[in-house]
C-alpha cells in the first residue's frame, strides 16, 4: 500500500473509529512489551514462588541473578494471570481489527485500540493500518502479546 493510500485509510478509520470498534468488537487484550516488567525486581514474591523451585528461589534470595529464561517464565506467568482475572481496562487496551475501504476500493486492516469501561468511559483510537489481517496480527505479536 502506498503512503497516500495508507494516509487516506487512516483518515477514514479515524473518522469512524468508534463505529468500527462497535461493529467489529474487541478481539482480546493487547499487552505491549512495555506493560510487562523487564526488571526481575518488579515481580512479586508470590510470582517468584509460582515460577521457580524453592531451591532456585533460595539461590536468587542469596544474590544469584535471574536468568533470561526465568525472566521470560515470570513474564509468561504474569500474562497468564492477566488473562485469568479481571484486568484494569483503563491500563490495558482491547484491540479490534477492522477492514476499511476508500472510494477507489483500496482496503486495509485497521488496528483500533480501546481502554476504559462503562463507568470510566471509553477511549477509542486508531493505532495503524496494515495490508492484511495477518500483518496486523504479526505486528501485535512482535510488539507484545494478545490474550
N, C-alpha and C. Protein backbone atom coordinates (compact mmCIF):
# COMPACT_ATOMS: atom_id res chain seq x y z
N UNK A 1 0.85 -1.17 0.00
CA UNK A 1 0.00 0.00 0.00
C UNK A 1 0.90 1.23 0.00
N UNK A 2 0.55 2.18 -0.82
CA UNK A 2 1.34 3.40 -0.92
C UNK A 2 1.09 4.28 0.32
N UNK A 3 2.01 5.18 0.61
CA UNK A 3 1.80 6.09 1.75
C UNK A 3 0.52 6.92 1.60
N UNK A 4 0.18 7.30 0.38
CA UNK A 4 -1.03 8.10 0.17
C UNK A 4 -2.29 7.30 0.49
N UNK A 5 -2.31 6.04 0.03
CA UNK A 5 -3.46 5.17 0.32
C UNK A 5 -3.57 4.93 1.81
N UNK A 6 -2.43 4.66 2.45
CA UNK A 6 -2.42 4.43 3.89
C UNK A 6 -2.96 5.66 4.63
N UNK A 7 -2.50 6.82 4.24
CA UNK A 7 -2.96 8.06 4.88
C UNK A 7 -4.47 8.22 4.73
N UNK A 8 -4.99 7.93 3.53
CA UNK A 8 -6.42 8.05 3.28
C UNK A 8 -7.22 7.05 4.11
N UNK A 9 -6.72 5.82 4.20
CA UNK A 9 -7.42 4.80 5.01
C UNK A 9 -7.38 5.16 6.49
N UNK A 10 -6.26 5.70 6.94
CA UNK A 10 -6.18 6.14 8.35
C UNK A 10 -7.17 7.26 8.62
N UNK A 11 -7.32 8.16 7.68
CA UNK A 11 -8.27 9.26 7.84
C UNK A 11 -9.69 8.73 7.96
N UNK A 12 -10.05 7.79 7.10
CA UNK A 12 -11.38 7.18 7.16
C UNK A 12 -11.56 6.47 8.50
N UNK A 13 -10.57 5.71 8.90
CA UNK A 13 -10.66 4.95 10.15
C UNK A 13 -10.78 5.87 11.35
N UNK A 14 -10.03 6.95 11.35
CA UNK A 14 -10.11 7.90 12.48
C UNK A 14 -11.49 8.53 12.58
N UNK A 15 -12.10 8.81 11.45
CA UNK A 15 -13.44 9.39 11.46
C UNK A 15 -14.48 8.40 11.98
N UNK A 16 -14.25 7.11 11.71
CA UNK A 16 -15.25 6.08 12.03
C UNK A 16 -14.80 5.13 13.14
N UNK A 17 -13.77 5.48 13.89
CA UNK A 17 -13.17 4.54 14.85
C UNK A 17 -14.18 3.95 15.82
N UNK A 18 -15.03 4.78 16.41
CA UNK A 18 -15.99 4.28 17.39
C UNK A 18 -16.98 3.31 16.75
N UNK A 19 -17.50 3.66 15.59
CA UNK A 19 -18.43 2.78 14.89
C UNK A 19 -17.77 1.47 14.48
N UNK A 20 -16.53 1.56 13.98
CA UNK A 20 -15.81 0.35 13.58
C UNK A 20 -15.58 -0.56 14.79
N UNK A 21 -15.18 0.04 15.91
CA UNK A 21 -14.93 -0.76 17.12
C UNK A 21 -16.22 -1.44 17.58
N UNK A 22 -17.32 -0.71 17.52
CA UNK A 22 -18.61 -1.28 17.92
C UNK A 22 -19.05 -2.38 16.97
N UNK A 23 -18.84 -2.18 15.67
CA UNK A 23 -19.25 -3.16 14.66
C UNK A 23 -18.41 -4.43 14.73
N UNK A 24 -17.09 -4.28 14.78
CA UNK A 24 -16.20 -5.44 14.74
C UNK A 24 -15.99 -6.07 16.12
N UNK A 25 -16.06 -5.27 17.15
CA UNK A 25 -15.91 -5.77 18.52
C UNK A 25 -14.48 -6.07 18.91
N UNK A 26 -14.27 -6.13 20.21
CA UNK A 26 -12.95 -6.43 20.75
C UNK A 26 -12.60 -7.89 20.49
N UNK A 27 -11.38 -8.11 20.03
CA UNK A 27 -10.92 -9.48 19.80
C UNK A 27 -10.12 -10.01 20.98
N UNK A 28 -9.71 -9.14 21.86
CA UNK A 28 -8.93 -9.53 23.02
C UNK A 28 -8.19 -8.34 23.57
N UNK A 29 -7.28 -8.61 24.49
CA UNK A 29 -6.43 -7.58 25.07
C UNK A 29 -5.08 -7.61 24.39
N UNK A 30 -4.46 -6.44 24.31
CA UNK A 30 -3.10 -6.36 23.80
C UNK A 30 -2.22 -5.87 24.93
N UNK A 31 -1.32 -6.72 25.36
CA UNK A 31 -0.36 -6.38 26.40
C UNK A 31 0.96 -6.08 25.69
N UNK A 32 1.36 -4.82 25.68
CA UNK A 32 2.59 -4.45 24.99
C UNK A 32 3.79 -4.84 25.83
N UNK A 33 4.94 -4.87 25.20
CA UNK A 33 6.16 -5.21 25.91
C UNK A 33 6.41 -4.25 27.06
N UNK A 34 5.97 -3.01 26.92
CA UNK A 34 6.14 -2.03 28.00
C UNK A 34 5.21 -2.29 29.18
N UNK A 35 4.14 -3.08 28.96
CA UNK A 35 3.19 -3.38 30.03
C UNK A 35 3.69 -4.47 30.99
N UNK A 36 4.67 -5.27 30.55
CA UNK A 36 5.22 -6.33 31.39
C UNK A 36 6.58 -5.91 31.91
N UNK A 37 6.87 -6.25 33.15
CA UNK A 37 8.17 -5.88 33.71
C UNK A 37 9.33 -6.52 32.95
N UNK A 38 10.38 -5.76 32.74
CA UNK A 38 11.61 -6.30 32.16
C UNK A 38 12.70 -6.38 33.22
N UNK A 39 12.39 -5.87 34.40
CA UNK A 39 13.32 -5.90 35.53
C UNK A 39 12.80 -6.95 36.53
N UNK A 40 13.63 -7.95 36.84
CA UNK A 40 13.20 -9.00 37.76
C UNK A 40 12.71 -8.49 39.11
N UNK A 41 13.18 -7.32 39.54
CA UNK A 41 12.77 -6.80 40.85
C UNK A 41 11.31 -6.33 40.86
N UNK A 42 10.70 -6.21 39.67
CA UNK A 42 9.32 -5.75 39.59
C UNK A 42 8.29 -6.86 39.76
N UNK A 43 8.75 -8.10 39.93
CA UNK A 43 7.82 -9.21 40.15
C UNK A 43 7.69 -9.46 41.64
N UNK A 44 6.51 -9.94 42.03
CA UNK A 44 6.25 -10.17 43.45
C UNK A 44 6.85 -11.50 43.92
N UNK A 45 6.95 -11.61 45.21
CA UNK A 45 7.44 -12.87 45.81
C UNK A 45 6.51 -14.01 45.43
N UNK A 46 5.22 -13.73 45.39
CA UNK A 46 4.24 -14.75 45.01
C UNK A 46 4.49 -15.25 43.58
N UNK A 47 4.84 -14.33 42.68
CA UNK A 47 5.13 -14.73 41.30
C UNK A 47 6.39 -15.58 41.24
N UNK A 48 7.42 -15.20 41.99
CA UNK A 48 8.63 -16.00 42.04
C UNK A 48 8.34 -17.40 42.55
N UNK A 49 7.54 -17.50 43.61
CA UNK A 49 7.20 -18.79 44.19
C UNK A 49 6.41 -19.66 43.23
N UNK A 50 5.60 -19.04 42.39
CA UNK A 50 4.80 -19.79 41.43
C UNK A 50 5.63 -20.32 40.26
N UNK A 51 6.74 -19.65 39.96
CA UNK A 51 7.51 -19.99 38.77
C UNK A 51 8.77 -20.81 39.10
N UNK A 52 9.44 -20.48 40.19
CA UNK A 52 10.74 -21.08 40.48
C UNK A 52 10.64 -22.16 41.55
N UNK A 53 11.58 -23.07 41.51
CA UNK A 53 11.66 -24.10 42.55
C UNK A 53 12.12 -23.44 43.85
N UNK A 54 11.81 -24.05 44.98
CA UNK A 54 12.27 -23.47 46.26
C UNK A 54 13.80 -23.34 46.32
N UNK A 55 14.50 -24.29 45.73
CA UNK A 55 15.97 -24.23 45.72
C UNK A 55 16.46 -23.03 44.91
N UNK A 56 15.87 -22.83 43.74
CA UNK A 56 16.29 -21.72 42.89
C UNK A 56 15.90 -20.39 43.52
N UNK A 57 14.75 -20.34 44.15
CA UNK A 57 14.31 -19.13 44.84
C UNK A 57 15.29 -18.77 45.95
N UNK A 58 15.76 -19.77 46.66
CA UNK A 58 16.75 -19.53 47.72
C UNK A 58 18.05 -18.98 47.14
N UNK A 59 18.46 -19.51 45.99
CA UNK A 59 19.68 -19.01 45.33
C UNK A 59 19.52 -17.54 44.95
N UNK A 60 18.37 -17.20 44.41
CA UNK A 60 18.13 -15.82 44.00
C UNK A 60 18.07 -14.90 45.21
N UNK A 61 17.43 -15.36 46.27
CA UNK A 61 17.39 -14.57 47.51
C UNK A 61 18.77 -14.41 48.12
N UNK A 62 19.70 -15.29 47.76
CA UNK A 62 21.08 -15.20 48.26
C UNK A 62 21.97 -14.36 47.34
N UNK A 63 21.40 -13.81 46.28
CA UNK A 63 22.17 -12.90 45.44
C UNK A 63 22.42 -13.36 44.02
N UNK A 64 22.05 -14.58 43.66
CA UNK A 64 22.23 -15.04 42.28
C UNK A 64 21.27 -14.26 41.36
N UNK A 65 21.68 -14.09 40.14
CA UNK A 65 20.89 -13.34 39.17
C UNK A 65 19.82 -14.22 38.52
N UNK A 66 18.72 -13.61 38.17
CA UNK A 66 17.66 -14.28 37.43
C UNK A 66 18.15 -14.44 35.99
N UNK A 67 17.98 -15.66 35.44
CA UNK A 67 18.39 -15.89 34.06
C UNK A 67 17.35 -15.31 33.10
N UNK A 68 17.73 -15.18 31.85
CA UNK A 68 16.80 -14.68 30.84
C UNK A 68 15.60 -15.62 30.70
N UNK A 69 15.84 -16.92 30.76
CA UNK A 69 14.74 -17.90 30.68
C UNK A 69 13.80 -17.75 31.87
N UNK A 70 14.34 -17.50 33.04
CA UNK A 70 13.49 -17.31 34.23
C UNK A 70 12.68 -16.01 34.11
N UNK A 71 13.31 -14.96 33.58
CA UNK A 71 12.59 -13.71 33.37
C UNK A 71 11.42 -13.93 32.42
N UNK A 72 11.66 -14.67 31.33
CA UNK A 72 10.57 -14.97 30.39
C UNK A 72 9.48 -15.80 31.05
N UNK A 73 9.87 -16.72 31.92
CA UNK A 73 8.88 -17.53 32.63
C UNK A 73 8.05 -16.67 33.57
N UNK A 74 8.68 -15.71 34.22
CA UNK A 74 7.94 -14.77 35.08
C UNK A 74 6.98 -13.92 34.25
N UNK A 75 7.43 -13.46 33.09
CA UNK A 75 6.56 -12.67 32.21
C UNK A 75 5.38 -13.53 31.72
N UNK A 76 5.66 -14.77 31.35
CA UNK A 76 4.59 -15.66 30.90
C UNK A 76 3.57 -15.90 32.01
N UNK A 77 4.06 -16.03 33.23
CA UNK A 77 3.17 -16.22 34.37
C UNK A 77 2.29 -14.99 34.56
N UNK A 78 2.88 -13.81 34.45
CA UNK A 78 2.11 -12.56 34.58
C UNK A 78 1.05 -12.49 33.49
N UNK A 79 1.41 -12.86 32.27
CA UNK A 79 0.44 -12.86 31.17
C UNK A 79 -0.72 -13.81 31.47
N UNK A 80 -0.41 -14.98 31.97
CA UNK A 80 -1.45 -15.95 32.30
C UNK A 80 -2.37 -15.38 33.38
N UNK A 81 -1.80 -14.71 34.35
CA UNK A 81 -2.60 -14.09 35.41
C UNK A 81 -3.50 -13.00 34.84
N UNK A 82 -2.98 -12.22 33.90
CA UNK A 82 -3.77 -11.17 33.27
C UNK A 82 -4.97 -11.78 32.56
N UNK A 83 -4.74 -12.86 31.83
CA UNK A 83 -5.82 -13.44 31.04
C UNK A 83 -6.85 -14.18 31.90
N UNK A 84 -6.50 -14.54 33.14
CA UNK A 84 -7.40 -15.29 34.01
C UNK A 84 -8.22 -14.43 34.96
N UNK A 85 -7.83 -13.19 35.14
CA UNK A 85 -8.55 -12.36 36.12
C UNK A 85 -9.02 -11.07 35.48
N UNK A 86 -9.81 -10.36 36.23
CA UNK A 86 -10.23 -9.05 35.74
C UNK A 86 -9.01 -8.17 35.63
N UNK A 87 -8.93 -7.44 34.56
CA UNK A 87 -7.79 -6.56 34.34
C UNK A 87 -8.24 -5.12 34.40
N UNK A 88 -7.28 -4.25 34.57
CA UNK A 88 -7.55 -2.82 34.58
C UNK A 88 -7.71 -2.36 33.14
N UNK A 89 -8.97 -2.26 32.71
CA UNK A 89 -9.23 -1.89 31.32
C UNK A 89 -8.86 -0.44 31.04
N UNK A 90 -8.55 0.32 32.07
CA UNK A 90 -8.06 1.68 31.84
C UNK A 90 -6.58 1.65 31.46
N UNK A 91 -5.90 0.54 31.78
CA UNK A 91 -4.47 0.45 31.52
C UNK A 91 -4.14 -0.43 30.32
N UNK A 92 -4.83 -1.55 30.17
CA UNK A 92 -4.55 -2.47 29.07
C UNK A 92 -5.64 -2.36 28.01
N UNK A 93 -5.26 -2.06 26.78
CA UNK A 93 -6.28 -1.87 25.76
C UNK A 93 -6.82 -3.16 25.17
N UNK A 94 -8.10 -3.12 24.85
CA UNK A 94 -8.67 -4.13 23.99
C UNK A 94 -8.30 -3.75 22.56
N UNK A 95 -8.23 -4.77 21.69
CA UNK A 95 -7.91 -4.45 20.30
C UNK A 95 -8.98 -5.00 19.37
N UNK A 96 -9.09 -4.36 18.23
CA UNK A 96 -10.06 -4.71 17.21
C UNK A 96 -9.37 -4.55 15.86
N UNK A 97 -9.58 -5.51 14.98
CA UNK A 97 -9.07 -5.41 13.61
C UNK A 97 -10.26 -5.24 12.68
N UNK A 98 -10.34 -4.09 12.04
CA UNK A 98 -11.48 -3.76 11.20
C UNK A 98 -11.01 -3.45 9.78
N UNK A 99 -11.81 -3.82 8.82
CA UNK A 99 -11.47 -3.52 7.44
C UNK A 99 -12.07 -2.17 7.05
N UNK A 100 -11.26 -1.35 6.39
CA UNK A 100 -11.75 -0.08 5.86
C UNK A 100 -11.43 -0.03 4.36
N UNK A 101 -12.31 0.63 3.63
CA UNK A 101 -12.16 0.74 2.17
C UNK A 101 -12.42 2.18 1.77
N UNK A 102 -11.58 2.67 0.84
CA UNK A 102 -11.78 4.05 0.37
C UNK A 102 -12.64 4.06 -0.89
N UNK A 103 -12.87 5.21 -1.45
CA UNK A 103 -13.74 5.37 -2.62
C UNK A 103 -13.18 4.69 -3.86
N UNK A 104 -11.87 4.42 -3.88
CA UNK A 104 -11.24 3.76 -5.02
C UNK A 104 -11.09 2.26 -4.81
N UNK A 105 -11.78 1.72 -3.81
CA UNK A 105 -11.75 0.29 -3.46
C UNK A 105 -10.40 -0.19 -2.93
N UNK A 106 -9.58 0.73 -2.44
CA UNK A 106 -8.37 0.33 -1.71
C UNK A 106 -8.81 -0.02 -0.30
N UNK A 107 -8.29 -1.13 0.22
CA UNK A 107 -8.70 -1.52 1.57
C UNK A 107 -7.49 -1.86 2.41
N UNK A 108 -7.72 -1.85 3.70
CA UNK A 108 -6.69 -2.19 4.66
C UNK A 108 -7.33 -2.64 5.95
N UNK A 109 -6.53 -3.22 6.80
CA UNK A 109 -6.98 -3.66 8.11
C UNK A 109 -6.46 -2.68 9.14
N UNK A 110 -7.39 -2.09 9.88
CA UNK A 110 -7.04 -1.07 10.86
C UNK A 110 -7.01 -1.68 12.25
N UNK A 111 -5.94 -1.38 12.97
CA UNK A 111 -5.82 -1.78 14.37
C UNK A 111 -6.39 -0.66 15.22
N UNK A 112 -7.50 -0.96 15.90
CA UNK A 112 -8.16 0.02 16.76
C UNK A 112 -8.01 -0.45 18.19
N UNK A 113 -7.64 0.47 19.08
CA UNK A 113 -7.45 0.15 20.49
C UNK A 113 -8.50 0.89 21.32
N UNK A 114 -8.83 0.29 22.47
CA UNK A 114 -9.84 0.88 23.34
C UNK A 114 -9.48 0.61 24.80
N UNK A 115 -9.47 1.65 25.59
CA UNK A 115 -9.32 1.49 27.03
C UNK A 115 -10.56 2.04 27.71
N UNK A 116 -10.74 1.65 28.95
CA UNK A 116 -11.86 2.15 29.73
C UNK A 116 -12.98 1.15 29.83
N UNK A 117 -14.07 1.58 30.43
CA UNK A 117 -15.26 0.75 30.58
C UNK A 117 -16.47 1.65 30.71
N UNK A 118 -17.61 1.04 30.99
CA UNK A 118 -18.85 1.83 31.04
C UNK A 118 -18.86 2.84 32.19
N UNK A 119 -18.06 2.59 33.22
CA UNK A 119 -18.02 3.52 34.34
C UNK A 119 -17.06 4.69 34.08
N UNK A 120 -15.87 4.38 33.57
CA UNK A 120 -14.87 5.43 33.35
C UNK A 120 -14.99 6.08 31.99
N UNK A 121 -15.74 5.46 31.10
CA UNK A 121 -15.84 5.95 29.73
C UNK A 121 -14.83 5.26 28.85
N UNK A 122 -15.11 5.20 27.57
CA UNK A 122 -14.24 4.54 26.62
C UNK A 122 -13.37 5.55 25.90
N UNK A 123 -12.13 5.18 25.69
CA UNK A 123 -11.23 5.94 24.83
C UNK A 123 -10.86 5.01 23.69
N UNK A 124 -11.25 5.38 22.48
CA UNK A 124 -11.04 4.55 21.30
C UNK A 124 -10.17 5.32 20.32
N UNK A 125 -9.12 4.65 19.80
CA UNK A 125 -8.26 5.33 18.84
C UNK A 125 -7.69 4.32 17.85
N UNK A 126 -7.31 4.85 16.69
CA UNK A 126 -6.69 4.05 15.63
C UNK A 126 -5.19 4.04 15.87
N UNK A 127 -4.63 2.84 15.87
CA UNK A 127 -3.19 2.71 16.09
C UNK A 127 -2.42 2.72 14.76
N UNK A 128 -2.90 1.92 13.79
CA UNK A 128 -2.21 1.85 12.49
C UNK A 128 -3.09 1.09 11.51
N UNK A 129 -2.68 1.09 10.24
CA UNK A 129 -3.38 0.33 9.21
C UNK A 129 -2.37 -0.61 8.54
N UNK A 130 -2.85 -1.80 8.16
CA UNK A 130 -1.99 -2.84 7.60
C UNK A 130 -2.62 -3.37 6.32
N UNK A 131 -1.78 -4.01 5.51
CA UNK A 131 -2.27 -4.59 4.25
C UNK A 131 -3.22 -5.76 4.49
N UNK A 132 -2.91 -6.59 5.50
CA UNK A 132 -3.69 -7.79 5.75
C UNK A 132 -3.90 -7.99 7.25
N UNK A 133 -4.86 -8.83 7.57
CA UNK A 133 -5.09 -9.18 8.97
C UNK A 133 -3.87 -9.91 9.53
N UNK A 134 -3.24 -10.75 8.72
CA UNK A 134 -2.05 -11.48 9.16
C UNK A 134 -0.92 -10.50 9.51
N UNK A 135 -0.76 -9.44 8.72
CA UNK A 135 0.27 -8.44 9.01
C UNK A 135 -0.04 -7.71 10.31
N UNK A 136 -1.31 -7.41 10.55
CA UNK A 136 -1.70 -6.74 11.79
C UNK A 136 -1.44 -7.64 12.99
N UNK A 137 -1.81 -8.92 12.88
CA UNK A 137 -1.58 -9.86 13.99
C UNK A 137 -0.08 -10.04 14.24
N UNK A 138 0.70 -10.08 13.18
CA UNK A 138 2.15 -10.19 13.32
C UNK A 138 2.70 -8.99 14.08
N UNK A 139 2.20 -7.80 13.76
CA UNK A 139 2.62 -6.59 14.47
C UNK A 139 2.29 -6.68 15.97
N UNK A 140 1.07 -7.13 16.27
CA UNK A 140 0.67 -7.27 17.67
C UNK A 140 1.61 -8.22 18.40
N UNK A 141 1.95 -9.35 17.77
CA UNK A 141 2.79 -10.34 18.40
C UNK A 141 4.25 -9.87 18.53
N UNK A 142 4.73 -9.13 17.54
CA UNK A 142 6.11 -8.62 17.62
C UNK A 142 6.27 -7.55 18.70
N UNK A 143 5.20 -6.86 19.00
CA UNK A 143 5.28 -5.74 19.94
C UNK A 143 4.59 -6.01 21.27
N UNK A 144 4.23 -7.24 21.51
CA UNK A 144 3.58 -7.60 22.77
C UNK A 144 2.91 -8.94 22.68
N UNK A 145 1.84 -9.09 23.41
CA UNK A 145 1.11 -10.35 23.50
C UNK A 145 -0.38 -10.08 23.44
N UNK A 146 -1.10 -10.99 22.84
CA UNK A 146 -2.56 -10.89 22.83
C UNK A 146 -3.13 -11.95 23.76
N UNK A 147 -4.18 -11.60 24.44
CA UNK A 147 -4.85 -12.58 25.30
C UNK A 147 -6.33 -12.26 25.35
